[in-house]
Amino acid sequence: MNERFEAMIAGLETEGGMSIPKIAVKVGCSRQQIWRIASGKTKRPGYGIAVRIEKLHSQMVTKTRGLR
């Protein structure tokens, strides 16, 4: 399950041009939490953080698809 969130964060960084600190601010958690999720150190993110990462990733995908 964590691989999915690792991939979402990687996508936000590469395709969305966002840094770990910026993702953390948007998601509303610490940059250490995002780093732990992105690096596989956290087995499962908390429900609230998971939902906000998914929402942010979805918004980024929608924006990039709309620009193409």
Protein backbone atom coordinates (compact mmCIF):
# COMPACT_ATOMS: atom_id res chain seq x y z
CA MET A 1 0.00 0.00 0.00
CA ASN A 2 2.78 2.44 0.82
CA GLU A 3 4.22 2.04 -2.68
CA ARG A 4 1.15 3.84 -3.98
CA PHE A 5 1.83 6.85 -1.77
CA GLU A 6 5.54 6.75 -2.58
CA ALA A 7 4.59 6.96 -6.27
CA MET A 8 2.13 9.79 -5.67
CA ILE A 9 4.73 11.85 -3.82
CA ALA A 10 7.30 11.11 -6.52
CA GLY A 11 4.79 12.28 -9.13
CA LEU A 12 4.11 15.47 -7.20
CA GLU A 13 7.86 16.12 -7.12
CA THR A 14 8.68 15.29 -10.74
CA GLU A 15 5.53 16.15 -12.66
CA GLY A 16 4.12 18.72 -10.27
CA GLY A 17 7.42 20.44 -9.55
CA MET A 18 6.75 20.37 -5.81
CA SER A 19 9.34 19.91 -3.10
CA ILE A 20 8.87 17.76 0.01
CA PRO A 21 8.39 20.88 2.18
CA LYS A 22 5.78 22.30 -0.22
CA ILE A 23 3.92 18.98 -0.32
CA ALA A 24 3.95 18.91 3.48
CA VAL A 25 2.45 22.40 3.68
CA LYS A 26 -0.27 21.52 1.16
CA VAL A 27 -1.06 18.25 2.95
CA GLY A 28 -0.88 19.84 6.40
CA CYS A 29 1.78 17.72 8.04
CA SER A 30 5.50 17.86 8.70
CA ARG A 31 8.09 17.50 5.95
CA GLN A 32 9.56 14.61 7.98
CA GLN A 33 6.27 12.72 7.66
CA ILE A 34 6.20 13.23 3.90
CA TRP A 35 9.86 12.21 3.65
CA ARG A 36 9.20 9.03 5.67
CA ILE A 37 6.28 8.11 3.42
CA ALA A 38 8.22 8.91 0.24
CA SER A 39 11.25 6.89 1.35
CA GLY A 40 9.25 3.87 2.51
CA LYS A 41 10.10 4.34 6.20
CA THR A 42 6.39 4.56 7.09
CA LYS A 43 4.42 1.38 6.44
CA ARG A 44 1.05 3.12 6.28
CA PRO A 45 0.34 6.83 6.46
CA GLY A 46 -2.49 7.97 8.69
CA TYR A 47 -5.92 8.11 7.11
CA GLY A 48 -6.13 11.92 7.07
CA ILE A 49 -2.69 12.33 5.53
CA ALA A 50 -3.40 9.60 2.97
CA VAL A 51 -6.63 11.27 1.88
CA ARG A 52 -4.92 14.66 1.54
CA ILE A 53 -2.01 13.20 -0.46
CA GLU A 54 -4.50 11.51 -2.81
CA LYS A 55 -6.46 14.75 -3.19
CA LEU A 56 -3.34 16.81 -3.92
CA HIS A 57 -2.10 14.22 -6.43
CA SER A 58 -5.51 14.14 -8.11
CA GLN A 59 -5.53 17.93 -8.42
CA MET A 60 -2.06 17.87 -9.96
CA VAL A 61 -3.05 15.17 -12.45
CA THR A 62 -6.18 17.10 -13.42
CA LYS A 63 -4.13 20.27 -13.98
CA THR A 64 -1.47 18.55 -16.08
CA ARG A 65 -4.04 16.74 -18.21
CA GLY A 66 -5.91 19.99 -18.75
CA LEU A 67 -2.75 21.69 -20.03
CA ARG A 68 -1.95 19.02 -22.60
